Amino acid sequence: MQYYIHYTPGRLRIQTPAIHEKPAGARSFEAFVKGFDGITSIETRVVTGSATILFEEKKINCEQIIGILEKHGYFCLSKAETSDEFIEKTTKKVLEVAEQIIVDSAGGGIGGE
């Protein structure tokens, strides 16, 4: 997954290749985001390329944050996957694997043929 976004009021979690396995990129990203009025904290995880941003909604909103990040090349909303899309895709893969296990255990099909 290159880009991911999950939002709840006052909290935004994203994944971005701009910080994935890039310690210097993550530090630069953190410093950039900390400069926004209304940001209360930011935590990045270089291994996963994720950032959790806590903010005051009366001063800045999710759309503004994402807009600024996009403008500066840190994020691409059009390529982002939401948590619902991620769950749907993962569930589909799990069901496909489960179906294959059932078919294989039945000897190739119903009735063991």
PDB file of N, CA and C in Angstrom:
ATOM      1  N   MET A   1       0.852  -1.181   0.000  1.00  0.00           N
ATOM      2  CA  MET A   1       0.000   0.000   0.000  1.00  0.00           C
ATOM      3  C   MET A   1       0.893   1.237   0.000  1.00  0.00           C
ATOM      4  N   GLN A   2       0.708   2.083  -0.977  1.00  0.00           N
ATOM      5  CA  GLN A   2       1.521   3.298  -1.026  1.00  0.00           C
ATOM      6  C   GLN A   2       0.940   4.398  -0.150  1.00  0.00           C
ATOM      7  N   TYR A   3      -0.340   4.649  -0.292  1.00  0.00           N
ATOM      8  CA  TYR A   3      -0.991   5.705   0.477  1.00  0.00           C
ATOM      9  C   TYR A   3      -2.213   5.124   1.193  1.00  0.00           C
ATOM     10  N   TYR A   4      -2.398   5.571   2.417  1.00  0.00           N
ATOM     11  CA  TYR A   4      -3.529   5.119   3.231  1.00  0.00           C
ATOM     12  C   TYR A   4      -3.984   6.312   4.046  1.00  0.00           C
ATOM     13  N   ILE A   5      -5.282   6.381   4.317  1.00  0.00           N
ATOM     14  CA  ILE A   5      -5.806   7.462   5.148  1.00  0.00           C
ATOM     15  C   ILE A   5      -6.921   6.946   6.046  1.00  0.00           C
ATOM     16  N   HIS A   6      -6.872   7.352   7.299  1.00  0.00           N
ATOM     17  CA  HIS A   6      -7.939   7.054   8.250  1.00  0.00           C
ATOM     18  C   HIS A   6      -8.121   8.281   9.132  1.00  0.00           C
ATOM     19  N   TYR A   7      -9.362   8.729   9.203  1.00  0.00           N
ATOM     20  CA  TYR A   7      -9.661   9.948   9.946  1.00  0.00           C
ATOM     21  C   TYR A   7     -10.730   9.691  10.988  1.00  0.00           C
ATOM     22  N   THR A   8     -10.512  10.194  12.178  1.00  0.00           N
ATOM     23  CA  THR A   8     -11.537  10.337  13.206  1.00  0.00           C
ATOM     24  C   THR A   8     -11.374  11.765  13.728  1.00  0.00           C
ATOM     25  N   PRO A   9     -12.410  12.355  14.290  1.00  0.00           N
ATOM     26  CA  PRO A   9     -12.297  13.756  14.716  1.00  0.00           C
ATOM     27  C   PRO A   9     -11.054  14.012  15.586  1.00  0.00           C
ATOM     28  N   GLY A  10     -10.236  14.931  15.118  1.00  0.00           N
ATOM     29  CA  GLY A  10      -9.034  15.314  15.844  1.00  0.00           C
ATOM     30  C   GLY A  10      -7.834  14.400  15.652  1.00  0.00           C
ATOM     31  N   ARG A  11      -7.999  13.369  14.817  1.00  0.00           N
ATOM     32  CA  ARG A  11      -6.913  12.403  14.604  1.00  0.00           C
ATOM     33  C   ARG A  11      -6.890  11.974  13.138  1.00  0.00           C
ATOM     34  N   LEU A  12      -5.722  12.038  12.545  1.00  0.00           N
ATOM     35  CA  LEU A  12      -5.539  11.629  11.160  1.00  0.00           C
ATOM     36  C   LEU A  12      -4.359  10.673  11.112  1.00  0.00           C
ATOM     37  N   ARG A  13      -4.566   9.533  10.494  1.00  0.00           N
ATOM     38  CA  ARG A  13      -3.464   8.583  10.310  1.00  0.00           C
ATOM     39  C   ARG A  13      -3.297   8.379   8.811  1.00  0.00           C
ATOM     40  N   ILE A  14      -2.069   8.533   8.350  1.00  0.00           N
ATOM     41  CA  ILE A  14      -1.780   8.331   6.935  1.00  0.00           C
ATOM     42  C   ILE A  14      -0.572   7.416   6.782  1.00  0.00           C
ATOM     43  N   GLN A  15      -0.459   6.823   5.609  1.00  0.00           N
ATOM     44  CA  GLN A  15       0.761   6.153   5.196  1.00  0.00           C
ATOM     45  C   GLN A  15       1.184   6.824   3.906  1.00  0.00           C
ATOM     46  N   THR A  16       2.497   7.037   3.783  1.00  0.00           N
ATOM     47  CA  THR A  16       3.019   7.720   2.614  1.00  0.00           C
ATOM     48  C   THR A  16       4.428   7.246   2.301  1.00  0.00           C
ATOM     49  N   PRO A  17       4.742   7.075   1.035  1.00  0.00           N
ATOM     50  CA  PRO A  17       6.098   6.677   0.671  1.00  0.00           C
ATOM     51  C   PRO A  17       7.130   7.757   1.006  1.00  0.00           C
ATOM     52  N   ALA A  18       6.680   8.966   1.283  1.00  0.00           N
ATOM     53  CA  ALA A  18       7.601  10.057   1.605  1.00  0.00           C
ATOM     54  C   ALA A  18       8.374   9.808   2.895  1.00  0.00           C
ATOM     55  N   ILE A  19       7.832   8.956   3.770  1.00  0.00           N
ATOM     56  CA  ILE A  19       8.533   8.675   5.030  1.00  0.00           C
ATOM     57  C   ILE A  19       8.847   7.189   5.216  1.00  0.00           C
ATOM     58  N   HIS A  20       8.368   6.346   4.300  1.00  0.00           N
ATOM     59  CA  HIS A  20       8.588   4.902   4.426  1.00  0.00           C
ATOM     60  C   HIS A  20      10.073   4.580   4.276  1.00  0.00           C
ATOM     61  N   GLU A  21      10.648   4.041   5.335  1.00  0.00           N
ATOM     62  CA  GLU A  21      12.064   3.656   5.388  1.00  0.00           C
ATOM     63  C   GLU A  21      12.993   4.828   5.050  1.00  0.00           C
ATOM     64  N   LYS A  22      12.564   6.025   5.416  1.00  0.00           N
ATOM     65  CA  LYS A  22      13.346   7.242   5.169  1.00  0.00           C
ATOM     66  C   LYS A  22      13.396   8.067   6.458  1.00  0.00           C
ATOM     67  N   PRO A  23      14.326   7.763   7.368  1.00  0.00           N
ATOM     68  CA  PRO A  23      14.399   8.504   8.637  1.00  0.00           C
ATOM     69  C   PRO A  23      14.527  10.018   8.453  1.00  0.00           C
ATOM     70  N   ALA A  24      15.358  10.454   7.529  1.00  0.00           N
ATOM     71  CA  ALA A  24      15.513  11.895   7.306  1.00  0.00           C
ATOM     72  C   ALA A  24      14.207  12.493   6.766  1.00  0.00           C
ATOM     73  N   GLY A  25      13.537  11.755   5.892  1.00  0.00           N
ATOM     74  CA  GLY A  25      12.255  12.200   5.361  1.00  0.00           C
ATOM     75  C   GLY A  25      11.200  12.314   6.447  1.00  0.00           C
ATOM     76  N   ALA A  26      11.215  11.371   7.380  1.00  0.00           N
ATOM     77  CA  ALA A  26      10.256  11.394   8.492  1.00  0.00           C
ATOM     78  C   ALA A  26      10.506  12.588   9.403  1.00  0.00           C
ATOM     79  N   ARG A  27      11.782  12.861   9.684  1.00  0.00           N
ATOM     80  CA  ARG A  27      12.108  14.022  10.537  1.00  0.00           C
ATOM     81  C   ARG A  27      11.669  15.317   9.864  1.00  0.00           C
ATOM     82  N   SER A  28      11.925  15.414   8.578  1.00  0.00           N
ATOM     83  CA  SER A  28      11.539  16.599   7.818  1.00  0.00           C
ATOM     84  C   SER A  28      10.009  16.750   7.796  1.00  0.00           C
ATOM     85  N   PHE A  29       9.320  15.634   7.589  1.00  0.00           N
ATOM     86  CA  PHE A  29       7.856  15.618   7.581  1.00  0.00           C
ATOM     87  C   PHE A  29       7.314  16.083   8.926  1.00  0.00           C
ATOM     88  N   GLU A  30       7.852  15.522  10.016  1.00  0.00           N
ATOM     89  CA  GLU A  30       7.397  15.905  11.361  1.00  0.00           C
ATOM     90  C   GLU A  30       7.583  17.398  11.597  1.00  0.00           C
ATOM     91  N   ALA A  31       8.756  17.921  11.266  1.00  0.00           N
ATOM     92  CA  ALA A  31       9.035  19.343  11.466  1.00  0.00           C
ATOM     93  C   ALA A  31       8.064  20.200  10.646  1.00  0.00           C
ATOM     94  N   PHE A  32       7.787  19.767   9.415  1.00  0.00           N
ATOM     95  CA  PHE A  32       6.861  20.496   8.547  1.00  0.00           C
ATOM     96  C   PHE A  32       5.461  20.527   9.158  1.00  0.00           C
ATOM     97  N   VAL A  33       4.952  19.376   9.576  1.00  0.00           N
ATOM     98  CA  VAL A  33       3.593  19.283  10.108  1.00  0.00           C
ATOM     99  C   VAL A  33       3.464  20.011  11.452  1.00  0.00           C
ATOM    100  N   LYS A  34       4.496  19.945  12.268  1.00  0.00           N
ATOM    101  CA  LYS A  34       4.456  20.644  13.565  1.00  0.00           C
ATOM    102  C   LYS A  34       4.296  22.149  13.387  1.00  0.00           C
ATOM    103  N   GLY A  35       4.635  22.659  12.216  1.00  0.00           N
ATOM    104  CA  GLY A  35       4.502  24.079  11.940  1.00  0.00           C
ATOM    105  C   GLY A  35       3.077  24.533  11.646  1.00  0.00           C
ATOM    106  N   PHE A  36       2.162  23.601  11.456  1.00  0.00           N
ATOM    107  CA  PHE A  36       0.764  23.969  11.183  1.00  0.00           C
ATOM    108  C   PHE A  36       0.110  24.423  12.488  1.00  0.00           C
ATOM    109  N   ASP A  37      -0.623  25.502  12.441  1.00  0.00           N
ATOM    110  CA  ASP A  37      -1.379  25.956  13.604  1.00  0.00           C
ATOM    111  C   ASP A  37      -2.480  24.942  13.905  1.00  0.00           C
ATOM    112  N   GLY A  38      -2.543  24.470  15.126  1.00  0.00           N
ATOM    113  CA  GLY A  38      -3.582  23.535  15.533  1.00  0.00           C
ATOM    114  C   GLY A  38      -3.114  22.101  15.681  1.00  0.00           C
ATOM    115  N   ILE A  39      -1.895  21.809  15.293  1.00  0.00           N
ATOM    116  CA  ILE A  39      -1.357  20.453  15.459  1.00  0.00           C
ATOM    117  C   ILE A  39      -0.926  20.290  16.912  1.00  0.00           C
ATOM    118  N   THR A  40      -1.429  19.252  17.563  1.00  0.00           N
ATOM    119  CA  THR A  40      -1.060  19.033  18.966  1.00  0.00           C
ATOM    120  C   THR A  40       0.047  17.999  19.107  1.00  0.00           C
ATOM    121  N   SER A  41       0.105  17.034  18.176  1.00  0.00           N
ATOM    122  CA  SER A  41       1.219  16.078  18.184  1.00  0.00           C
ATOM    123  C   SER A  41       1.275  15.328  16.863  1.00  0.00           C
ATOM    124  N   ILE A  42       2.446  14.786  16.608  1.00  0.00           N
ATOM    125  CA  ILE A  42       2.639  13.941  15.429  1.00  0.00           C
ATOM    126  C   ILE A  42       3.620  12.846  15.799  1.00  0.00           C
ATOM    127  N   GLU A  43       3.314  11.643  15.345  1.00  0.00           N
ATOM    128  CA  GLU A  43       4.200  10.501  15.557  1.00  0.00           C
ATOM    129  C   GLU A  43       4.352   9.782  14.226  1.00  0.00           C
ATOM    130  N   THR A  44       5.598   9.575  13.816  1.00  0.00           N
ATOM    131  CA  THR A  44       5.830   8.855  12.568  1.00  0.00           C
ATOM    132  C   THR A  44       6.451   7.495  12.863  1.00  0.00           C
ATOM    133  N   ARG A  45       6.214   6.556  11.961  1.00  0.00           N
ATOM    134  CA  ARG A  45       6.805   5.222  12.035  1.00  0.00           C
ATOM    135  C   ARG A  45       7.444   4.946  10.679  1.00  0.00           C
ATOM    136  N   VAL A  46       8.751   5.003  10.656  1.00  0.00           N
ATOM    137  CA  VAL A  46       9.504   4.876   9.410  1.00  0.00           C
ATOM    138  C   VAL A  46       9.321   3.498   8.776  1.00  0.00           C
ATOM    139  N   VAL A  47       9.251   2.466   9.599  1.00  0.00           N
ATOM    140  CA  VAL A  47       9.139   1.095   9.085  1.00  0.00           C
ATOM    141  C   VAL A  47       7.873   0.924   8.248  1.00  0.00           C
ATOM    142  N   THR A  48       6.769   1.515   8.693  1.00  0.00           N
ATOM    143  CA  THR A  48       5.505   1.373   7.969  1.00  0.00           C
ATOM    144  C   THR A  48       5.197   2.571   7.072  1.00  0.00           C
ATOM    145  N   GLY A  49       5.935   3.652   7.254  1.00  0.00           N
ATOM    146  CA  GLY A  49       5.658   4.862   6.482  1.00  0.00           C
ATOM    147  C   GLY A  49       4.409   5.580   6.943  1.00  0.00           C
ATOM    148  N   SER A  50       4.053   5.387   8.211  1.00  0.00           N
ATOM    149  CA  SER A  50       2.818   5.984   8.702  1.00  0.00           C
ATOM    150  C   SER A  50       3.077   7.154   9.642  1.00  0.00           C
ATOM    151  N   ALA A  51       2.086   8.000   9.726  1.00  0.00           N
ATOM    152  CA  ALA A  51       2.118   9.140  10.634  1.00  0.00           C
ATOM    153  C   ALA A  51       0.745   9.290  11.266  1.00  0.00           C
ATOM    154  N   THR A  52       0.753   9.520  12.561  1.00  0.00           N
ATOM    155  CA  THR A  52      -0.485   9.814  13.275  1.00  0.00           C
ATOM    156  C   THR A  52      -0.400  11.273  13.712  1.00  0.00           C
ATOM    157  N   ILE A  53      -1.385  12.037  13.285  1.00  0.00           N
ATOM    158  CA  ILE A  53      -1.408  13.481  13.539  1.00  0.00           C
ATOM    159  C   ILE A  53      -2.637  13.794  14.390  1.00  0.00           C
ATOM    160  N   LEU A  54      -2.400  14.385  15.550  1.00  0.00           N
ATOM    161  CA  LEU A  54      -3.493  14.847  16.402  1.00  0.00           C
ATOM    162  C   LEU A  54      -3.600  16.356  16.241  1.00  0.00           C
ATOM    163  N   PHE A  55      -4.836  16.849  16.162  1.00  0.00           N
ATOM    164  CA  PHE A  55      -5.024  18.273  15.884  1.00  0.00           C
ATOM    165  C   PHE A  55      -6.308  18.806  16.490  1.00  0.00           C
ATOM    166  N   GLU A  56      -6.344  20.133  16.635  1.00  0.00           N
ATOM    167  CA  GLU A  56      -7.525  20.823  17.147  1.00  0.00           C
ATOM    168  C   GLU A  56      -8.407  21.210  15.970  1.00  0.00           C
ATOM    169  N   GLU A  57      -9.589  20.613  15.903  1.00  0.00           N
ATOM    170  CA  GLU A  57     -10.469  20.836  14.753  1.00  0.00           C
ATOM    171  C   GLU A  57     -10.976  22.271  14.641  1.00  0.00           C
ATOM    172  N   LYS A  58     -10.921  23.015  15.729  1.00  0.00           N
ATOM    173  CA  LYS A  58     -11.353  24.415  15.653  1.00  0.00           C
ATOM    174  C   LYS A  58     -10.318  25.285  14.950  1.00  0.00           C
ATOM    175  N   LYS A  59      -9.073  24.789  14.867  1.00  0.00           N
ATOM    176  CA  LYS A  59      -8.007  25.558  14.235  1.00  0.00           C
ATOM    177  C   LYS A  59      -7.647  25.047  12.841  1.00  0.00           C
ATOM    178  N   ILE A  60      -7.757  23.745  12.628  1.00  0.00           N
ATOM    179  CA  ILE A  60      -7.400  23.138  11.345  1.00  0.00           C
ATOM    180  C   ILE A  60      -8.220  21.857  11.186  1.00  0.00           C
ATOM    181  N   ASN A  61      -8.602  21.543   9.959  1.00  0.00           N
ATOM    182  CA  ASN A  61      -9.373  20.314   9.756  1.00  0.00           C
ATOM    183  C   ASN A  61      -8.607  19.328   8.871  1.00  0.00           C
ATOM    184  N   CYS A  62      -9.145  18.141   8.770  1.00  0.00           N
ATOM    185  CA  CYS A  62      -8.511  17.061   8.018  1.00  0.00           C
ATOM    186  C   CYS A  62      -8.262  17.462   6.567  1.00  0.00           C
ATOM    187  N   GLU A  63      -9.237  18.073   5.935  1.00  0.00           N
ATOM    188  CA  GLU A  63      -9.118  18.457   4.539  1.00  0.00           C
ATOM    189  C   GLU A  63      -7.990  19.472   4.331  1.00  0.00           C
ATOM    190  N   GLN A  64      -7.848  20.396   5.269  1.00  0.00           N
ATOM    191  CA  GLN A  64      -6.778  21.383   5.162  1.00  0.00           C
ATOM    192  C   GLN A  64      -5.409  20.709   5.291  1.00  0.00           C
ATOM    193  N   ILE A  65      -5.296  19.797   6.250  1.00  0.00           N
ATOM    194  CA  ILE A  65      -4.026  19.090   6.450  1.00  0.00           C
ATOM    195  C   ILE A  65      -3.651  18.323   5.188  1.00  0.00           C
ATOM    196  N   ILE A  66      -4.594  17.541   4.675  1.00  0.00           N
ATOM    197  CA  ILE A  66      -4.334  16.742   3.472  1.00  0.00           C
ATOM    198  C   ILE A  66      -3.997  17.654   2.288  1.00  0.00           C
ATOM    199  N   GLY A  67      -4.716  18.757   2.155  1.00  0.00           N
ATOM    200  CA  GLY A  67      -4.444  19.696   1.063  1.00  0.00           C
ATOM    201  C   GLY A  67      -3.027  20.239   1.113  1.00  0.00           C
ATOM    202  N   ILE A  68      -2.563  20.599   2.305  1.00  0.00           N
ATOM    203  CA  ILE A  68      -1.201  21.118   2.461  1.00  0.00           C
ATOM    204  C   ILE A  68      -0.184  20.021   2.171  1.00  0.00           C
ATOM    205  N   LEU A  69      -0.436  18.821   2.683  1.00  0.00           N
ATOM    206  CA  LEU A  69       0.482  17.704   2.451  1.00  0.00           C
ATOM    207  C   LEU A  69       0.583  17.378   0.962  1.00  0.00           C
ATOM    208  N   GLU A  70      -0.562  17.417   0.268  1.00  0.00           N
ATOM    209  CA  GLU A  70      -0.551  17.158  -1.181  1.00  0.00           C
ATOM    210  C   GLU A  70       0.229  18.242  -1.922  1.00  0.00           C
ATOM    211  N   LYS A  71      -0.012  19.473  -1.558  1.00  0.00           N
ATOM    212  CA  LYS A  71       0.648  20.599  -2.220  1.00  0.00           C
ATOM    213  C   LYS A  71       2.173  20.500  -2.112  1.00  0.00           C
ATOM    214  N   HIS A  72       2.652  19.936  -1.010  1.00  0.00           N
ATOM    215  CA  HIS A  72       4.092  19.842  -0.780  1.00  0.00           C
ATOM    216  C   HIS A  72       4.665  18.458  -1.094  1.00  0.00           C
ATOM    217  N   GLY A  73       3.852  17.597  -1.746  1.00  0.00           N
ATOM    218  CA  GLY A  73       4.344  16.312  -2.228  1.00  0.00           C
ATOM    219  C   GLY A  73       4.454  15.202  -1.199  1.00  0.00           C
ATOM    220  N   TYR A  74       3.841  15.393  -0.032  1.00  0.00           N
ATOM    221  CA  TYR A  74       3.903  14.367   1.005  1.00  0.00           C
ATOM    222  C   TYR A  74       2.781  13.330   0.903  1.00  0.00           C
ATOM    223  N   PHE A  75       1.724  13.640   0.176  1.00  0.00           N
ATOM    224  CA  PHE A  75       0.569  12.749   0.134  1.00  0.00           C
ATOM    225  C   PHE A  75      -0.155  12.900  -1.189  1.00  0.00           C
ATOM    226  N   CYS A  76      -0.885  11.839  -1.583  1.00  0.00           N
ATOM    227  CA  CYS A  76      -1.694  11.866  -2.810  1.00  0.00           C
ATOM    228  C   CYS A  76      -3.039  11.218  -2.498  1.00  0.00           C
ATOM    229  N   LEU A  77      -4.038  12.040  -2.241  1.00  0.00           N
ATOM    230  CA  LEU A  77      -5.349  11.540  -1.842  1.00  0.00           C
ATOM    231  C   LEU A  77      -5.981  10.649  -2.904  1.00  0.00           C
ATOM    232  N   SER A  78      -5.779  10.962  -4.173  1.00  0.00           N
ATOM    233  CA  SER A  78      -6.403  10.165  -5.236  1.00  0.00           C
ATOM    234  C   SER A  78      -5.853   8.736  -5.285  1.00  0.00           C
ATOM    235  N   LYS A  79      -4.680   8.503  -4.708  1.00  0.00           N
ATOM    236  CA  LYS A  79      -4.086   7.166  -4.672  1.00  0.00           C
ATOM    237  C   LYS A  79      -4.256   6.498  -3.310  1.00  0.00           C
ATOM    238  N   ALA A  80      -4.900   7.180  -2.383  1.00  0.00           N
ATOM    239  CA  ALA A  80      -5.016   6.672  -1.016  1.00  0.00           C
ATOM    240  C   ALA A  80      -6.130   5.657  -0.877  1.00  0.00           C
ATOM    241  N   GLU A  81      -5.866   4.680  -0.044  1.00  0.00           N
ATOM    242  CA  GLU A  81      -6.842   3.654   0.292  1.00  0.00           C
ATOM    243  C   GLU A  81      -7.380   3.973   1.689  1.00  0.00           C
ATOM    244  N   THR A  82      -8.697   3.842   1.871  1.00  0.00           N
ATOM    245  CA  THR A  82      -9.295   4.071   3.187  1.00  0.00           C
ATOM    246  C   THR A  82      -9.334   2.756   3.961  1.00  0.00           C
ATOM    247  N   SER A  83      -9.651   2.843   5.236  1.00  0.00           N
ATOM    248  CA  SER A  83      -9.714   1.624   6.048  1.00  0.00           C
ATOM    249  C   SER A  83     -10.807   0.685   5.531  1.00  0.00           C
ATOM    250  N   ASP A  84     -11.936   1.219   5.080  1.00  0.00           N
ATOM    251  CA  ASP A  84     -12.999   0.375   4.543  1.00  0.00           C
ATOM    252  C   ASP A  84     -12.534  -0.370   3.293  1.00  0.00           C
ATOM    253  N   GLU A  85     -11.825   0.320   2.403  1.00  0.00           N
ATOM    254  CA  GLU A  85     -11.310  -0.320   1.194  1.00  0.00           C
ATOM    255  C   GLU A  85     -10.279  -1.395   1.543  1.00  0.00           C
ATOM    256  N   PHE A  86      -9.435  -1.101   2.518  1.00  0.00           N
ATOM    257  CA  PHE A  86      -8.421  -2.063   2.951  1.00  0.00           C
ATOM    258  C   PHE A  86      -9.080  -3.316   3.522  1.00  0.00           C
ATOM    259  N   ILE A  87     -10.090  -3.139   4.358  1.00  0.00           N
ATOM    260  CA  ILE A  87     -10.802  -4.275   4.956  1.00  0.00           C
ATOM    261  C   ILE A  87     -11.496  -5.095   3.875  1.00  0.00           C
ATOM    262  N   GLU A  88     -12.137  -4.429   2.931  1.00  0.00           N
ATOM    263  CA  GLU A  88     -12.832  -5.131   1.846  1.00  0.00           C
ATOM    264  C   GLU A  88     -11.853  -5.961   1.012  1.00  0.00           C
ATOM    265  N   LYS A  89     -10.722  -5.373   0.659  1.00  0.00           N
ATOM    266  CA  LYS A  89      -9.714  -6.068  -0.146  1.00  0.00           C
ATOM    267  C   LYS A  89      -9.128  -7.260   0.619  1.00  0.00           C
ATOM    268  N   THR A  90      -8.834  -7.058   1.888  1.00  0.00           N
ATOM    269  CA  THR A  90      -8.263  -8.122   2.714  1.00  0.00           C
ATOM    270  C   THR A  90      -9.259  -9.254   2.905  1.00  0.00           C
ATOM    271  N   THR A  91     -10.513  -8.920   3.158  1.00  0.00           N
ATOM    272  CA  THR A  91     -11.554  -9.928   3.327  1.00  0.00           C
ATOM    273  C   THR A  91     -11.709 -10.764   2.064  1.00  0.00           C
ATOM    274  N   LYS A  92     -11.681 -10.127   0.916  1.00  0.00           N
ATOM    275  CA  LYS A  92     -11.791 -10.840  -0.361  1.00  0.00           C
ATOM    276  C   LYS A  92     -10.646 -11.844  -0.514  1.00  0.00           C
ATOM    277  N   LYS A  93      -9.421 -11.412  -0.178  1.00  0.00           N
ATOM    278  CA  LYS A  93      -8.264 -12.307  -0.283  1.00  0.00           C
ATOM    279  C   LYS A  93      -8.392 -13.484   0.682  1.00  0.00           C
ATOM    280  N   VAL A  94      -8.817 -13.224   1.901  1.00  0.00           N
ATOM    281  CA  VAL A  94      -8.982 -14.287   2.907  1.00  0.00           C
ATOM    282  C   VAL A  94     -10.017 -15.300   2.435  1.00  0.00           C
ATOM    283  N   LEU A  95     -11.130 -14.822   1.894  1.00  0.00           N
ATOM    284  CA  LEU A  95     -12.174 -15.730   1.412  1.00  0.00           C
ATOM    285  C   LEU A  95     -11.683 -16.568   0.231  1.00  0.00           C
ATOM    286  N   GLU A  96     -10.889 -15.975  -0.653  1.00  0.00           N
ATOM    287  CA  GLU A  96     -10.334 -16.731  -1.783  1.00  0.00           C
ATOM    288  C   GLU A  96      -9.407 -17.845  -1.289  1.00  0.00           C
ATOM    289  N   VAL A  97      -8.571 -17.540  -0.308  1.00  0.00           N
ATOM    290  CA  VAL A  97      -7.661 -18.544   0.252  1.00  0.00           C
ATOM    291  C   VAL A  97      -8.460 -19.633   0.962  1.00  0.00           C
ATOM    292  N   ALA A  98      -9.460 -19.251   1.736  1.00  0.00           N
ATOM    293  CA  ALA A  98     -10.291 -20.229   2.448  1.00  0.00           C
ATOM    294  C   ALA A  98     -11.004 -21.157   1.461  1.00  0.00           C
ATOM    295  N   GLU A  99     -11.517 -20.592   0.383  1.00  0.00           N
ATOM    296  CA  GLU A  99     -12.181 -21.402  -0.641  1.00  0.00           C
ATOM    297  C   GLU A  99     -11.201 -22.408  -1.251  1.00  0.00           C
ATOM    298  N   GLN A 100      -9.992 -21.961  -1.534  1.00  0.00           N
ATOM    299  CA  GLN A 100      -8.992 -22.855  -2.123  1.00  0.00           C
ATOM    300  C   GLN A 100      -8.616 -23.976  -1.156  1.00  0.00           C
ATOM    301  N   ILE A 101      -8.508 -23.663   0.120  1.00  0.00           N
ATOM    302  CA  ILE A 101      -8.194 -24.681   1.135  1.00  0.00           C
ATOM    303  C   ILE A 101      -9.299 -25.721   1.186  1.00  0.00           C
ATOM    304  N   ILE A 102     -10.542 -25.261   1.141  1.00  0.00           N
ATOM    305  CA  ILE A 102     -11.686 -26.182   1.176  1.00  0.00           C
ATOM    306  C   ILE A 102     -11.679 -27.082  -0.064  1.00  0.00           C
ATOM    307  N   VAL A 103     -11.461 -26.487  -1.224  1.00  0.00           N
ATOM    308  CA  VAL A 103     -11.450 -27.249  -2.479  1.00  0.00           C
ATOM    309  C   VAL A 103     -10.307 -28.270  -2.435  1.00  0.00           C
ATOM    310  N   ASP A 104      -9.128 -27.846  -2.010  1.00  0.00           N
ATOM    311  CA  ASP A 104      -7.969 -28.746  -1.939  1.00  0.00           C
ATOM    312  C   ASP A 104      -8.199 -29.883  -0.941  1.00  0.00           C
ATOM    313  N   SER A 105      -8.809 -29.577   0.189  1.00  0.00           N
ATOM    314  CA  SER A 105      -9.034 -30.604   1.204  1.00  0.00           C
ATOM    315  C   SER A 105     -10.118 -31.607   0.783  1.00  0.00           C
ATOM    316  N   ALA A 106     -10.972 -31.197  -0.147  1.00  0.00           N
ATOM    317  CA  ALA A 106     -12.013 -32.085  -0.628  1.00  0.00           C
ATOM    318  C   ALA A 106     -11.549 -32.874  -1.845  1.00  0.00           C
ATOM    319  N   GLY A 107     -10.252 -32.808  -2.115  1.00  0.00           N
ATOM    320  CA  GLY A 107      -9.705 -33.573  -3.235  1.00  0.00           C
ATOM    321  C   GLY A 107     -10.033 -32.974  -4.570  1.00  0.00           C
ATOM    322  N   GLY A 108     -10.187 -31.679  -4.622  1.00  0.00           N
ATOM    323  CA  GLY A 108     -10.425 -31.031  -5.916  1.00  0.00           C
ATOM    324  C   GLY A 108     -11.868 -30.676  -6.156  1.00  0.00           C
ATOM    325  N   GLY A 109     -12.718 -30.972  -5.253  1.00  0.00           N
ATOM    326  CA  GLY A 109     -14.116 -30.603  -5.461  1.00  0.00           C
ATOM    327  C   GLY A 109     -15.042 -31.358  -4.542  1.00  0.00           C
ATOM    328  N   ILE A 110     -16.289 -31.067  -4.641  1.00  0.00           N
ATOM    329  CA  ILE A 110     -17.313 -31.735  -3.833  1.00  0.00           C
ATOM    330  C   ILE A 110     -17.405 -33.184  -4.277  1.00  0.00           C
ATOM    331  N   GLY A 111     -17.434 -34.105  -3.361  1.00  0.00           N
ATOM    332  CA  GLY A 111     -17.524 -35.515  -3.681  1.00  0.00           C
ATOM    333  C   GLY A 111     -16.160 -36.176  -3.806  1.00  0.00           C
ATOM    334  N   GLY A 112     -15.074 -35.416  -3.626  1.00  0.00           N
ATOM    335  CA  GLY A 112     -13.729 -35.982  -3.619  1.00  0.00           C
ATOM    336  C   GLY A 112     -13.166 -36.371  -4.955  1.00  0.00           C
ATOM    337  N   GLU A 113     -13.721 -35.877  -6.028  1.00  0.00           N
ATOM    338  CA  GLU A 113     -13.192 -36.221  -7.367  1.00  0.00           C
ATOM    339  C   GLU A 113     -12.117 -35.289  -7.804  1.00  0.00           C
TER     340      GLU A 113
END
